[in-house]
């Protein structure tokens, strides 16, 4: 978009229906900040992997009352067309981020102005509780105001459908078309307060009860009492629910990191409120060392991701990656279902194309079907919706998310926290540990080492760099990776898999929705995936290498060898 077009677009915000404060802010950008003006107006915010996220401020490429008002007006129109004659109901939640409560009220106002009954949480709640509330309150849709683990200047807008899962085709594209067809003057902000019903503890109690029912597995009272837990909410919303669920399940021997207990959208004690980052759990790990804790758990701002640290063979606390955590969780769930005689071939485990290949191996060893989808839990929720004949046991993805059963249709750090404690408590009672069980799984199924590199590329220039990197990977495909021949390339944008394992190439169709993802596989089982993030200004590279592990005692040596292999791959890709 040219500078002239951007200026014209911005100047349209200097009149009705935009309020005086917004007009003044835009006028300031026009006069004094052309770079920020360009970033704010060069495009419209789009729905990505986890809904719509963006920096807060005036402009079409920013989160504000008008961009969210337009979304909500479009969604209102769509709900009316899809459920004609029904009494429409939606539920709205919000997290700890700056302006989340005010923006949630704006969204409630627009829905009510369109004659839609609104259930509005009176205080912050974790995202999985919103997913649960959609079905519990028999709503047609749900909204949560959150930007997950993005930096403090961000906020966002996630939409959930009747099943409690996020928007997927065809609803997502149809709603976006409805939104894009609207002008800002068509937003109805005139709230009907009679249609806005505040909700407090009734959903909390039901959600906590369901979390305990789904996350508990016959752990003895003494095992629960003997497990020492350190928990941090990283200034986020899970503080409203996780302590309650742990206590309800019988865990009382836990300490909370007090400095991070208070919800705060500025996240003052961490550089990034992301449990994927080791630095984020530094204070929790320090407290755990002092208290000789068995397990450390930290969650992100909206309470859907969790980081887990456990003691290694030397008694030192180590942060597991998302693949490792979900591997042990999945094994544990499969083992429990097997003990209860519930596995009969009509169950499945769900994961994503950039997560560890090891999950498939474990699931199939238990005689359970493994299903794989694009990045994002909305695709796992869609698997559940599309296959009512199958029982969903659990599933996760490498980005520190897990879902236990289908009572919530999104990643759920609340129930997953309880599940982690159940595993740790039972393992400790048996004289082993969470970590040792992970190594036993590596010994049985093969040692997989996975890493992620995320390159931050902000703004217009960053988008262009990411686009060019993906174009280059497609136009100049890798033939070798770390000295290993590439035998399969999956391009989810073209929906084609090119197999080069024989003398001639074989092209197969991929039965997964199109997405800007490339995955390379080598003859020795190495896997490298590349994809632009759908929620952050990043391009992500995922590495997976594997080998056999004969003895647990050799874990560190073999793992180090695999780390060197990953370093070679990074060098080949010029990412080192």
Protein backbone atom coordinates (compact mmCIF):
# COMPACT_ATOMS: atom_id res chain seq x y z
CA UNK A 1 0.00 0.00 0.00
CA UNK A 2 1.40 3.42 -0.98
CA UNK A 3 2.01 6.19 1.55
CA UNK A 4 -0.78 8.18 -0.09
CA UNK A 5 -3.24 5.31 0.41
CA UNK A 6 -2.12 4.84 4.00
CA UNK A 7 -2.60 8.56 4.72
CA UNK A 8 -6.06 8.49 3.14
CA UNK A 9 -6.99 5.45 5.20
CA UNK A 10 -5.78 7.16 8.38
CA UNK A 11 -7.57 10.42 7.56
CA UNK A 12 -10.87 8.52 7.41
CA UNK A 13 -10.41 7.94 11.17
CA UNK A 14 -10.49 11.71 11.82
CA UNK A 15 -14.26 11.85 11.62
CA UNK A 16 -17.36 10.01 12.83
CA UNK A 17 -17.84 7.29 14.04
CA UNK A 18 -14.43 7.52 15.73
CA UNK A 19 -14.29 9.20 19.15
CA UNK A 20 -12.26 12.34 19.87
CA UNK A 21 -9.46 10.52 21.68
CA UNK A 22 -8.96 8.18 18.71
CA UNK A 23 -9.05 11.10 16.28
CA UNK A 24 -6.45 12.97 18.28
CA UNK A 25 -4.19 9.92 18.41
CA UNK A 26 -4.42 9.42 14.65
CA UNK A 27 -3.83 13.11 14.01
CA UNK A 28 -0.67 12.90 16.13
CA UNK A 29 0.54 9.97 14.02
CA UNK A 30 -0.17 11.87 10.80
CA UNK A 31 1.79 14.88 11.99
CA UNK A 32 4.72 13.39 13.88
CA UNK A 33 5.16 9.66 13.41
CA UNK A 34 4.98 8.45 9.78
CA UNK A 35 6.62 5.09 10.58
CA UNK A 36 4.12 4.23 13.29
CA UNK A 37 1.29 5.53 11.08
CA UNK A 38 2.36 3.13 8.35
CA UNK A 39 2.53 0.16 10.75
CA UNK A 40 -0.92 1.06 12.15
CA UNK A 41 -2.78 1.36 8.85
CA UNK A 42 -0.97 -0.56 6.09
CA UNK A 43 -3.28 -3.56 6.46
CA UNK A 44 -6.23 -4.89 8.46
CA UNK A 45 -5.58 -7.28 11.34
CA UNK A 46 -6.23 -10.87 10.30
CA UNK A 47 -7.30 -14.05 12.06
CA UNK A 48 -4.29 -16.35 12.55
CA UNK A 49 -3.51 -19.63 14.32
CA UNK A 50 -4.92 -18.41 17.64
CA UNK A 51 -7.50 -15.84 16.58
CA UNK A 52 -6.63 -12.18 16.16
CA UNK A 53 -3.69 -10.63 18.01
CA UNK A 54 -2.01 -7.30 17.62
CA UNK A 55 -0.45 -4.28 19.28
CA UNK A 56 -2.96 -2.02 21.01
CA UNK A 57 -3.50 1.44 19.53
CA UNK A 58 -5.42 3.32 16.86
CA UNK A 59 -5.53 1.97 13.33
CA UNK A 60 -6.81 -0.92 11.22
CA UNK A 61 -3.71 -3.01 12.07
CA UNK A 62 -4.13 -2.50 15.79
CA UNK A 63 -6.31 -3.84 18.60
CA UNK A 64 -8.82 -1.18 19.63
CA UNK A 65 -12.55 -0.76 20.27
CA UNK A 66 -13.22 -0.25 16.55
CA UNK A 67 -11.35 -3.23 15.13
CA UNK A 68 -12.87 -5.46 17.83
CA UNK A 69 -16.24 -3.76 17.43
CA UNK A 70 -16.16 -4.53 13.71
CA UNK A 71 -15.29 -8.16 14.43
CA UNK A 72 -18.15 -8.43 16.88
CA UNK A 73 -20.65 -6.76 14.56
CA UNK A 74 -19.66 -9.16 11.78
CA UNK A 75 -19.93 -12.14 14.13
CA UNK A 76 -23.33 -10.90 15.32
CA UNK A 77 -24.58 -10.71 11.74
CA UNK A 78 -23.25 -14.19 11.02
CA UNK A 79 -24.82 -15.73 14.12
CA UNK A 80 -28.19 -14.27 13.16
CA UNK A 81 -27.95 -15.71 9.66
CA UNK A 82 -26.86 -19.16 10.86
CA UNK A 83 -29.29 -19.50 13.77
CA UNK A 84 -32.31 -17.63 12.47
CA UNK A 85 -35.18 -17.57 14.93
CA UNK A 86 -33.11 -18.80 17.89
CA UNK A 87 -32.44 -16.86 21.07
CA UNK A 88 -28.73 -16.26 20.59
CA UNK A 89 -26.31 -16.50 23.52
CA UNK A 90 -22.58 -15.78 23.80
CA UNK A 91 -20.14 -15.86 26.71
CA UNK A 92 -17.17 -13.49 27.10
CA UNK A 93 -14.04 -13.86 29.22
CA UNK A 94 -10.82 -11.88 29.46
CA UNK A 95 -7.33 -12.26 30.87
CA UNK A 96 -4.95 -10.06 32.87
CA UNK A 97 -3.73 -7.92 29.98
CA UNK A 98 -3.94 -4.15 29.97
CA UNK A 99 -7.33 -3.02 28.63
CA UNK A 100 -8.75 -6.57 28.49
CA UNK A 101 -11.63 -5.76 30.85
CA UNK A 102 -12.54 -2.57 28.95
CA UNK A 103 -12.35 -4.30 25.57
CA UNK A 104 -14.47 -7.19 26.87
CA UNK A 105 -17.13 -4.64 27.83
CA UNK A 106 -17.01 -3.15 24.32
CA UNK A 107 -17.54 -6.60 22.82
CA UNK A 108 -20.43 -7.26 25.23
CA UNK A 109 -22.01 -3.91 24.31
CA UNK A 110 -21.96 -4.68 20.59
CA UNK A 111 -23.43 -8.17 21.01
CA UNK A 112 -26.20 -6.84 23.25
CA UNK A 113 -26.89 -3.96 20.85
CA UNK A 114 -27.60 -6.65 18.27
CA UNK A 115 -30.12 -8.37 20.51
CA UNK A 116 -27.80 -11.19 21.64
CA UNK A 117 -27.79 -12.45 25.23
CA UNK A 118 -24.31 -11.99 26.76
CA UNK A 119 -22.78 -13.82 29.72
CA UNK A 120 -19.84 -11.68 30.85
CA UNK A 121 -17.34 -12.87 33.44
CA UNK A 122 -16.98 -10.19 36.09
CA UNK A 123 -13.26 -10.82 36.51
CA UNK A 124 -10.37 -12.43 34.67
CA UNK A 125 -10.60 -16.15 33.90
CA UNK A 126 -8.30 -18.65 32.14
CA UNK A 127 -9.00 -19.37 28.48
CA UNK A 128 -9.86 -23.07 29.01
CA UNK A 129 -12.65 -22.01 31.35
CA UNK A 130 -14.13 -19.93 28.53
CA UNK A 131 -14.03 -22.97 26.24
CA UNK A 132 -15.79 -24.98 28.95
CA UNK A 133 -18.34 -22.20 29.57
CA UNK A 134 -19.52 -22.16 25.95
CA UNK A 135 -20.92 -25.69 26.28
CA UNK A 136 -21.82 -25.41 29.96
CA UNK A 137 -23.99 -22.33 29.33
CA UNK A 138 -25.30 -23.72 26.02
CA UNK A 139 -24.02 -20.74 24.05
CA UNK A 140 -23.74 -20.31 20.31
CA UNK A 141 -20.28 -18.74 20.57
CA UNK A 142 -17.67 -17.49 23.00
CA UNK A 143 -15.03 -14.75 23.01
CA UNK A 144 -11.91 -14.39 25.11
CA UNK A 145 -9.83 -11.22 25.15
CA UNK A 146 -6.21 -12.35 25.34
CA UNK A 147 -2.89 -12.26 23.52
CA UNK A 148 -1.63 -15.41 25.25
CA UNK A 149 2.13 -15.08 25.89
CA UNK A 150 2.80 -12.12 23.56
CA UNK A 151 4.57 -9.00 24.95
CA UNK A 152 2.65 -6.49 27.12
CA UNK A 153 1.76 -4.14 24.27
CA UNK A 154 -0.42 -6.84 22.65
CA UNK A 155 -4.00 -7.94 23.11
CA UNK A 156 -6.25 -10.22 21.12
CA UNK A 157 -9.64 -11.72 20.33
CA UNK A 158 -10.34 -15.46 20.14
CA UNK A 159 -13.67 -16.80 18.88
CA UNK A 160 -15.13 -20.14 20.00
CA UNK A 161 -18.03 -22.02 18.42
CA UNK A 162 -20.84 -24.13 19.91
CA UNK A 163 -18.61 -27.14 20.56
CA UNK A 164 -16.21 -25.06 22.68
CA UNK A 165 -13.49 -25.17 20.01
CA UNK A 166 -12.00 -22.22 18.16
CA UNK A 167 -13.22 -21.26 14.71
CA UNK A 168 -12.33 -23.66 11.89
CA UNK A 169 -13.52 -23.98 8.28
CA UNK A 170 -16.03 -23.18 7.02
CA UNK A 171 -17.15 -20.79 9.79
CA UNK A 172 -13.82 -18.95 10.03
CA UNK A 173 -13.71 -17.88 6.37
CA UNK A 174 -17.42 -17.05 6.27
CA UNK A 175 -17.17 -14.85 9.38
CA UNK A 176 -14.06 -13.09 8.04
CA UNK A 177 -15.94 -12.35 4.80
CA UNK A 178 -18.81 -10.90 6.82
CA UNK A 179 -16.40 -8.72 8.84
CA UNK A 180 -14.49 -7.54 5.77
CA UNK A 181 -17.74 -6.50 4.12
CA UNK A 182 -18.54 -4.06 6.93
CA UNK A 183 -17.76 -0.38 7.31
CA UNK A 184 -16.91 1.04 10.73
CA UNK A 185 -20.08 3.14 10.59
CA UNK A 186 -22.13 -0.08 10.71
CA UNK A 187 -20.96 -1.04 14.20
CA UNK A 188 -23.75 -0.80 16.78
CA UNK A 189 -22.17 0.22 20.10
CA UNK A 190 -25.52 1.09 21.80
CA UNK A 191 -25.54 -1.51 24.58
CA UNK A 192 -28.73 -3.15 25.82
CA UNK A 193 -27.72 -3.70 29.45
CA UNK A 194 -30.74 -5.93 30.06
CA UNK A 195 -29.07 -8.51 27.82
CA UNK A 196 -25.70 -8.46 29.61
CA UNK A 197 -25.65 -10.94 32.49
CA UNK A 198 -22.60 -10.95 34.80
CA UNK A 199 -21.35 -14.39 35.83
CA UNK A 200 -19.22 -15.16 38.86
CA UNK A 201 -18.62 -18.49 40.59
CA UNK A 202 -21.20 -20.84 39.06
CA UNK A 203 -18.98 -21.65 36.07
CA UNK A 204 -15.85 -21.68 38.26
CA UNK A 205 -17.22 -24.45 40.46
CA UNK A 206 -18.38 -26.56 37.53
CA UNK A 207 -15.08 -26.12 35.68
CA UNK A 208 -13.01 -26.97 38.76
CA UNK A 209 -15.13 -30.09 39.35
CA UNK A 210 -14.71 -31.21 35.73
CA UNK A 211 -10.95 -30.54 35.85
CA UNK A 212 -10.56 -32.74 38.93
CA UNK A 213 -12.72 -35.49 37.43
CA UNK A 214 -10.74 -35.53 34.19
CA UNK A 215 -7.27 -34.98 35.66
CA UNK A 216 -7.32 -37.39 38.65
CA UNK A 217 -6.26 -41.07 38.45
CA UNK A 218 -6.44 -42.93 41.78
CA UNK A 219 -3.40 -41.27 43.34
CA UNK A 220 -3.19 -42.10 47.04
CA UNK A 221 -3.63 -39.40 49.68
CA UNK A 222 -0.13 -40.04 50.99
CA UNK A 223 1.40 -39.66 47.51
CA UNK A 224 -0.36 -36.33 47.11
CA UNK A 225 0.79 -35.18 50.52
CA UNK A 226 4.42 -36.16 49.82
CA UNK A 227 4.65 -34.31 46.49
CA UNK A 228 6.29 -30.90 46.88
CA UNK A 229 5.01 -28.46 44.23
CA UNK A 230 6.05 -24.93 43.29
CA UNK A 231 3.62 -23.02 41.08
CA UNK A 232 3.79 -19.64 39.32
CA UNK A 233 1.06 -17.99 37.29
CA UNK A 234 3.57 -15.48 35.82
CA UNK A 235 1.20 -12.63 36.70
CA UNK A 236 -1.58 -14.36 34.75
CA UNK A 237 -5.12 -15.66 35.10
CA UNK A 238 -4.45 -19.23 36.19
CA UNK A 239 -4.02 -18.00 39.77
CA UNK A 240 -7.84 -17.83 39.84
CA UNK A 241 -8.20 -21.56 39.21
CA UNK A 242 -5.09 -23.78 39.55
CA UNK A 243 -4.66 -23.45 43.36
CA UNK A 244 -8.37 -24.19 43.74
CA UNK A 245 -8.18 -27.28 41.52
CA UNK A 246 -5.05 -28.62 43.22
CA UNK A 247 -6.62 -28.26 46.66
CA UNK A 248 -9.89 -29.80 45.47
CA UNK A 249 -7.90 -32.77 44.15
CA UNK A 250 -6.12 -33.19 47.49
CA UNK A 251 -2.79 -31.46 46.83
CA UNK A 252 -1.94 -29.11 49.67
CA UNK A 253 1.86 -29.28 49.71
CA UNK A 254 2.43 -26.50 47.18
CA UNK A 255 3.90 -23.03 47.25
CA UNK A 256 3.11 -20.13 44.97
CA UNK A 257 5.76 -17.67 43.77
CA UNK A 258 4.44 -14.62 45.63
CA UNK A 259 6.27 -12.05 43.47
CA UNK A 260 4.36 -13.34 40.42
CA UNK A 261 1.04 -14.13 42.08
CA UNK A 262 -0.69 -10.80 41.40
CA UNK A 263 -2.20 -10.54 37.88
CA UNK A 264 -0.43 -7.74 36.01
CA UNK A 265 -0.54 -7.01 32.28
CA UNK A 266 2.93 -5.47 32.40
CA UNK A 267 4.49 -8.76 33.62
CA UNK A 268 7.05 -6.85 35.71
CA UNK A 269 9.25 -9.76 36.84
CA UNK A 270 9.85 -11.43 33.45
CA UNK A 271 11.12 -10.42 30.03
CA UNK A 272 8.46 -12.63 28.44
CA UNK A 273 5.48 -14.26 30.21
CA UNK A 274 6.06 -17.45 28.23
CA UNK A 275 6.73 -20.75 30.06
CA UNK A 276 8.54 -21.94 26.92
CA UNK A 277 11.34 -19.55 27.91
CA UNK A 278 13.58 -20.89 30.74
CA UNK A 279 14.09 -17.34 32.04
CA UNK A 280 10.37 -17.01 32.77
CA UNK A 281 10.56 -19.79 35.39
CA UNK A 282 13.76 -18.53 37.03
CA UNK A 283 12.07 -17.33 40.23
CA UNK A 284 10.03 -20.51 40.50
CA UNK A 285 13.12 -22.68 40.08
CA UNK A 286 15.00 -20.69 42.73
CA UNK A 287 12.14 -21.17 45.19
CA UNK A 288 11.94 -24.87 44.32
CA UNK A 289 15.66 -25.34 44.99
CA UNK A 290 15.25 -23.79 48.45
CA UNK A 291 12.22 -25.93 49.21
CA UNK A 292 13.59 -29.12 47.62
CA UNK A 293 10.44 -29.30 45.48
CA UNK A 294 9.74 -32.27 43.22
CA UNK A 295 8.02 -30.36 40.42
CA UNK A 296 7.74 -26.76 39.19
CA UNK A 297 4.84 -25.60 37.04
CA UNK A 298 4.40 -22.21 35.38
CA UNK A 299 1.57 -21.05 33.14
CA UNK A 300 1.19 -18.29 30.56
CA UNK A 301 -1.04 -15.18 30.98
CA UNK A 302 -4.31 -16.77 29.83
CA UNK A 303 -3.69 -20.13 31.50
CA UNK A 304 -3.63 -22.45 28.51
CA UNK A 305 0.12 -23.32 28.30
CA UNK A 306 2.28 -24.80 31.01
CA UNK A 307 5.99 -25.28 31.54
CA UNK A 308 7.11 -28.17 33.73
CA UNK A 309 10.43 -28.65 35.51
CA UNK A 310 11.33 -31.87 37.34
CA UNK A 311 14.40 -33.36 39.00
CA UNK A 312 16.91 -35.11 36.74
CA UNK A 313 19.01 -38.15 37.68
CA UNK A 314 21.31 -35.91 39.71
CA UNK A 315 18.46 -34.27 41.60
CA UNK A 316 18.76 -31.00 39.68
CA UNK A 317 15.61 -29.31 38.42
CA UNK A 318 15.44 -29.18 34.61
CA UNK A 319 12.81 -27.58 32.39
CA UNK A 320 11.25 -30.08 30.01
CA UNK A 321 10.26 -29.01 26.53
CA UNK A 322 6.68 -29.28 25.30
CA UNK A 323 7.30 -32.50 23.40
CA UNK A 324 8.77 -34.20 26.46
CA UNK A 325 5.95 -33.12 28.76
CA UNK A 326 3.18 -34.23 26.42
CA UNK A 327 4.97 -37.52 25.77
CA UNK A 328 4.89 -38.48 29.46
CA UNK A 329 1.32 -37.16 29.84
CA UNK A 330 0.13 -39.17 26.85
CA UNK A 331 1.88 -42.35 28.04
CA UNK A 332 0.29 -41.92 31.46
CA UNK A 333 -3.22 -41.43 30.05
CA UNK A 334 -2.83 -44.46 27.77
CA UNK A 335 -1.61 -46.54 30.69
CA UNK A 336 -4.60 -45.49 32.82
CA UNK A 337 -7.07 -46.26 30.04
CA UNK A 338 -5.41 -49.64 29.52
CA UNK A 339 -5.58 -50.49 33.25
CA UNK A 340 -9.28 -49.59 33.27
CA UNK A 341 -9.92 -51.81 30.23
CA UNK A 342 -11.18 -48.86 28.22
CA UNK A 343 -9.01 -49.31 25.09
CA UNK A 344 -10.94 -51.21 22.41
CA UNK A 345 -9.65 -49.62 19.20
CA UNK A 346 -12.15 -46.76 19.18
CA UNK A 347 -9.90 -44.14 20.79
CA UNK A 348 -7.46 -41.58 19.48
CA UNK A 349 -4.64 -39.26 20.45
CA UNK A 350 -4.31 -35.89 18.69
CA UNK A 351 -1.28 -33.75 17.88
CA UNK A 352 0.17 -31.45 15.22
CA UNK A 353 2.49 -31.74 12.22
CA UNK A 354 5.34 -29.84 13.91
CA UNK A 355 5.26 -31.88 17.13
CA UNK A 356 7.36 -34.94 17.98
CA UNK A 357 6.89 -38.02 15.74
CA UNK A 358 7.32 -40.08 18.91
CA UNK A 359 3.71 -39.51 19.96
CA UNK A 360 2.46 -41.57 17.02
CA UNK A 361 4.78 -44.45 17.94
CA UNK A 362 3.56 -44.54 21.55
CA UNK A 363 -0.14 -44.27 20.65
CA UNK A 364 0.06 -47.04 18.07
CA UNK A 365 1.93 -49.27 20.54
CA UNK A 366 -1.16 -49.09 22.76
CA UNK A 367 -3.46 -49.86 19.83
CA UNK A 368 -4.81 -46.32 19.78
CA UNK A 369 -5.28 -44.27 16.62
CA UNK A 370 -3.08 -41.22 16.15
CA UNK A 371 -4.42 -38.16 14.34
CA UNK A 372 -2.36 -35.19 13.21
CA UNK A 373 -3.40 -31.69 12.15
CA UNK A 374 -2.06 -28.21 11.54
CA UNK A 375 -0.55 -26.14 14.36
CA UNK A 376 -3.14 -24.96 16.86
CA UNK A 377 -5.56 -26.73 19.16
CA UNK A 378 -8.51 -25.69 17.05
CA UNK A 379 -7.52 -28.52 14.72
CA UNK A 380 -7.44 -31.06 17.55
CA UNK A 381 -10.88 -29.82 18.63
CA UNK A 382 -12.04 -30.30 15.03
CA UNK A 383 -10.80 -33.91 15.12
CA UNK A 384 -13.08 -34.52 18.11
CA UNK A 385 -16.01 -32.84 16.36
CA UNK A 386 -15.43 -34.73 13.09
CA UNK A 387 -15.13 -38.15 14.77
CA UNK A 388 -17.92 -38.54 17.34
CA UNK A 389 -17.55 -42.31 16.96
CA UNK A 390 -14.09 -42.15 18.60
CA UNK A 391 -13.17 -41.38 22.21
CA UNK A 392 -10.54 -38.66 22.58
CA UNK A 393 -8.01 -39.60 25.25
CA UNK A 394 -5.78 -36.54 25.11
CA UNK A 395 -3.36 -34.64 22.96
CA UNK A 396 -0.92 -31.81 22.72
CA UNK A 397 1.54 -29.84 20.69
CA UNK A 398 5.17 -28.89 21.10
CA UNK A 399 4.37 -25.32 22.18
CA UNK A 400 3.65 -26.36 25.79
CA UNK A 401 -0.06 -27.07 25.36
CA UNK A 402 -2.06 -30.14 26.40
CA UNK A 403 -5.71 -31.19 26.56
CA UNK A 404 -7.07 -34.00 28.74
CA UNK A 405 -10.30 -35.48 27.39
CA UNK A 406 -12.84 -33.38 25.52
CA UNK A 407 -14.68 -31.46 28.26
CA UNK A 408 -12.52 -28.49 27.18
CA UNK A 409 -11.86 -28.05 23.47
CA UNK A 410 -8.62 -26.06 23.69
CA UNK A 411 -5.27 -26.43 25.39
CA UNK A 412 -5.83 -26.42 29.10
CA UNK A 413 -3.05 -25.67 31.58
CA UNK A 414 -5.43 -26.07 34.52
CA UNK A 415 -6.23 -29.76 34.05
CA UNK A 416 -2.77 -30.44 32.59
CA UNK A 417 -1.21 -29.04 35.78
CA UNK A 418 -3.22 -31.49 37.85
CA UNK A 419 -2.30 -34.32 35.47
CA UNK A 420 1.41 -33.44 35.81
CA UNK A 421 1.12 -33.60 39.59
CA UNK A 422 -0.69 -36.94 39.41
CA UNK A 423 2.15 -38.39 37.34
CA UNK A 424 4.86 -36.94 39.57
CA UNK A 425 3.13 -38.12 42.75
CA UNK A 426 2.58 -41.65 41.50
CA UNK A 427 6.10 -41.94 40.13
CA UNK A 428 7.59 -40.70 43.42
CA UNK A 429 5.53 -43.22 45.36
CA UNK A 430 6.88 -45.97 43.08
CA UNK A 431 10.44 -44.86 43.80
CA UNK A 432 11.16 -43.31 40.41
CA UNK A 433 10.47 -39.87 38.97
CA UNK A 434 8.75 -38.04 36.15
CA UNK A 435 12.18 -37.62 34.55
CA UNK A 436 13.14 -41.29 34.87
CA UNK A 437 9.86 -42.28 33.24
CA UNK A 438 10.71 -39.99 30.31
CA UNK A 439 14.07 -41.76 29.94
CA UNK A 440 12.38 -45.16 30.11
CA UNK A 441 10.13 -44.11 27.25
CA UNK A 442 13.18 -42.98 25.27
CA UNK A 443 14.81 -46.35 25.92
CA UNK A 444 11.72 -48.23 24.76
CA UNK A 445 10.69 -46.12 21.75
CA UNK A 446 13.89 -44.33 20.69
CA UNK A 447 15.54 -41.12 21.84
CA UNK A 448 14.08 -38.06 20.12
CA UNK A 449 15.75 -34.67 20.52
CA UNK A 450 13.74 -31.64 19.42
CA UNK A 451 14.48 -27.93 19.34
CA UNK A 452 12.81 -24.78 18.09
CA UNK A 453 14.31 -21.59 16.69
CA UNK A 454 12.05 -18.53 16.39
CA UNK A 455 13.32 -15.56 14.40
CA UNK A 456 11.54 -12.32 15.30
CA UNK A 457 10.81 -10.16 12.24
CA UNK A 458 8.68 -7.17 13.18
CA UNK A 459 6.61 -4.82 11.04
CA UNK A 460 6.24 -4.46 7.29
CA UNK A 461 9.89 -5.24 6.57
CA UNK A 462 9.73 -8.28 8.84
CA UNK A 463 6.69 -9.65 7.00
CA UNK A 464 8.56 -9.29 3.72
CA UNK A 465 11.64 -11.07 5.11
CA UNK A 466 9.54 -13.98 6.36
CA UNK A 467 7.71 -14.22 3.03
CA UNK A 468 11.02 -14.28 1.12
CA UNK A 469 12.49 -16.94 3.42
CA UNK A 470 9.55 -19.26 2.72
CA UNK A 471 9.72 -18.52 -1.02
CA UNK A 472 13.43 -19.35 -1.03
CA UNK A 473 12.86 -22.66 0.77
CA UNK A 474 10.30 -23.60 -1.88
CA UNK A 475 12.20 -22.40 -4.93
CA UNK A 476 15.53 -23.79 -3.72
CA UNK A 477 14.51 -26.96 -1.84
CA UNK A 478 17.10 -28.62 0.36
CA UNK A 479 18.59 -31.81 -1.11
CA UNK A 480 20.61 -32.69 1.98
CA UNK A 481 20.40 -31.80 5.66
CA UNK A 482 23.45 -32.36 7.87
CA UNK A 483 24.82 -34.81 5.31
CA UNK A 484 21.59 -36.81 5.11
CA UNK A 485 19.61 -37.13 1.87
CA UNK A 486 16.17 -35.49 1.89
CA UNK A 487 13.65 -38.16 0.88
CA UNK A 488 10.33 -36.40 1.52
CA UNK A 489 9.14 -32.81 1.36
CA UNK A 490 5.64 -31.89 2.54
CA UNK A 491 4.35 -28.53 1.32
CA UNK A 492 1.09 -27.73 3.03
CA UNK A 493 0.58 -24.61 0.94
CA UNK A 494 0.34 -26.66 -2.26
CA UNK A 495 -1.05 -29.72 -0.39
CA UNK A 496 1.64 -31.88 -1.97
CA UNK A 497 4.12 -34.39 -0.57
CA UNK A 498 7.10 -35.07 -2.84
CA UNK A 499 8.76 -38.43 -2.16
CA UNK A 500 12.30 -38.78 -3.54
CA UNK A 501 13.23 -42.06 -1.88
CA UNK A 502 13.35 -43.93 -5.18
CA UNK A 503 14.91 -43.14 -8.54
CA UNK A 504 11.85 -41.12 -9.54
CA UNK A 505 9.82 -38.56 -7.64
CA UNK A 506 6.36 -39.46 -6.44
CA UNK A 507 3.82 -36.73 -5.63
CA UNK A 508 0.97 -37.36 -3.22
CA UNK A 509 -1.82 -35.12 -2.00
CA UNK A 510 -1.91 -34.04 1.65
CA UNK A 511 -5.33 -34.43 3.24
CA UNK A 512 -4.93 -31.45 5.57
CA UNK A 513 -6.15 -27.85 5.01
CA UNK A 514 -3.71 -25.56 3.22
CA UNK A 515 -1.20 -23.69 5.36
CA UNK A 516 2.14 -21.97 4.85
CA UNK A 517 4.24 -24.84 6.23
CA UNK A 518 7.16 -26.81 4.78
CA UNK A 519 8.48 -30.03 6.31
CA UNK A 520 11.63 -31.88 5.21
CA UNK A 521 12.38 -35.52 6.14
CA UNK A 522 15.73 -37.25 5.63
CA UNK A 523 16.60 -40.90 5.05
CA UNK A 524 17.63 -41.25 8.72
CA UNK A 525 14.41 -39.86 10.18
CA UNK A 526 15.52 -36.27 10.73
CA UNK A 527 12.64 -33.80 10.45
CA UNK A 528 12.89 -30.04 9.82
CA UNK A 529 9.79 -27.84 9.60
CA UNK A 530 9.44 -24.15 8.75
CA UNK A 531 6.39 -21.97 9.23
CA UNK A 532 5.55 -18.32 9.89
CA UNK A 533 3.81 -17.89 13.23
CA UNK A 534 0.10 -17.17 13.01
CA UNK A 535 0.10 -15.07 16.18
CA UNK A 536 3.50 -13.33 16.43
CA UNK A 537 5.93 -11.59 14.06
CA UNK A 538 8.13 -14.69 13.83
CA UNK A 539 9.24 -17.44 11.52
CA UNK A 540 9.72 -20.75 13.31
CA UNK A 541 12.02 -23.66 12.53
CA UNK A 542 11.40 -27.00 14.23
CA UNK A 543 14.09 -29.69 14.43
CA UNK A 544 13.65 -33.35 15.33
CA UNK A 545 16.44 -35.94 15.29
CA UNK A 546 16.46 -39.41 16.80
CA UNK A 547 18.46 -42.54 17.53
CA UNK A 548 18.29 -45.62 19.73
CA UNK A 549 19.02 -45.53 23.47
CA UNK A 550 20.28 -48.85 24.84
CA UNK A 551 20.90 -47.78 28.44
CA UNK A 552 19.37 -44.94 30.45
CA UNK A 553 22.85 -44.22 31.80
CA UNK A 554 23.89 -43.22 28.26
CA UNK A 555 21.13 -40.62 27.91
CA UNK A 556 23.27 -37.51 28.37
CA UNK A 557 25.99 -38.75 26.01
CA UNK A 558 23.55 -39.71 23.24
CA UNK A 559 21.47 -36.57 23.77
CA UNK A 560 24.61 -34.46 23.40
CA UNK A 561 25.41 -36.21 20.12
CA UNK A 562 21.94 -35.37 18.85
CA UNK A 563 22.41 -31.75 19.97
CA UNK A 564 25.55 -31.55 17.80
CA UNK A 565 23.50 -32.92 14.92
CA UNK A 566 20.89 -30.20 15.37
CA UNK A 567 23.70 -27.62 15.48
CA UNK A 568 24.84 -28.90 12.09
CA UNK A 569 21.33 -28.55 10.68
CA UNK A 570 21.13 -24.97 11.95
CA UNK A 571 24.47 -24.26 10.25
CA UNK A 572 23.23 -25.74 6.96
CA UNK A 573 20.19 -23.48 7.15
CA UNK A 574 22.34 -20.50 8.16
CA UNK A 575 20.42 -20.22 11.43
CA UNK A 576 23.36 -20.87 13.77
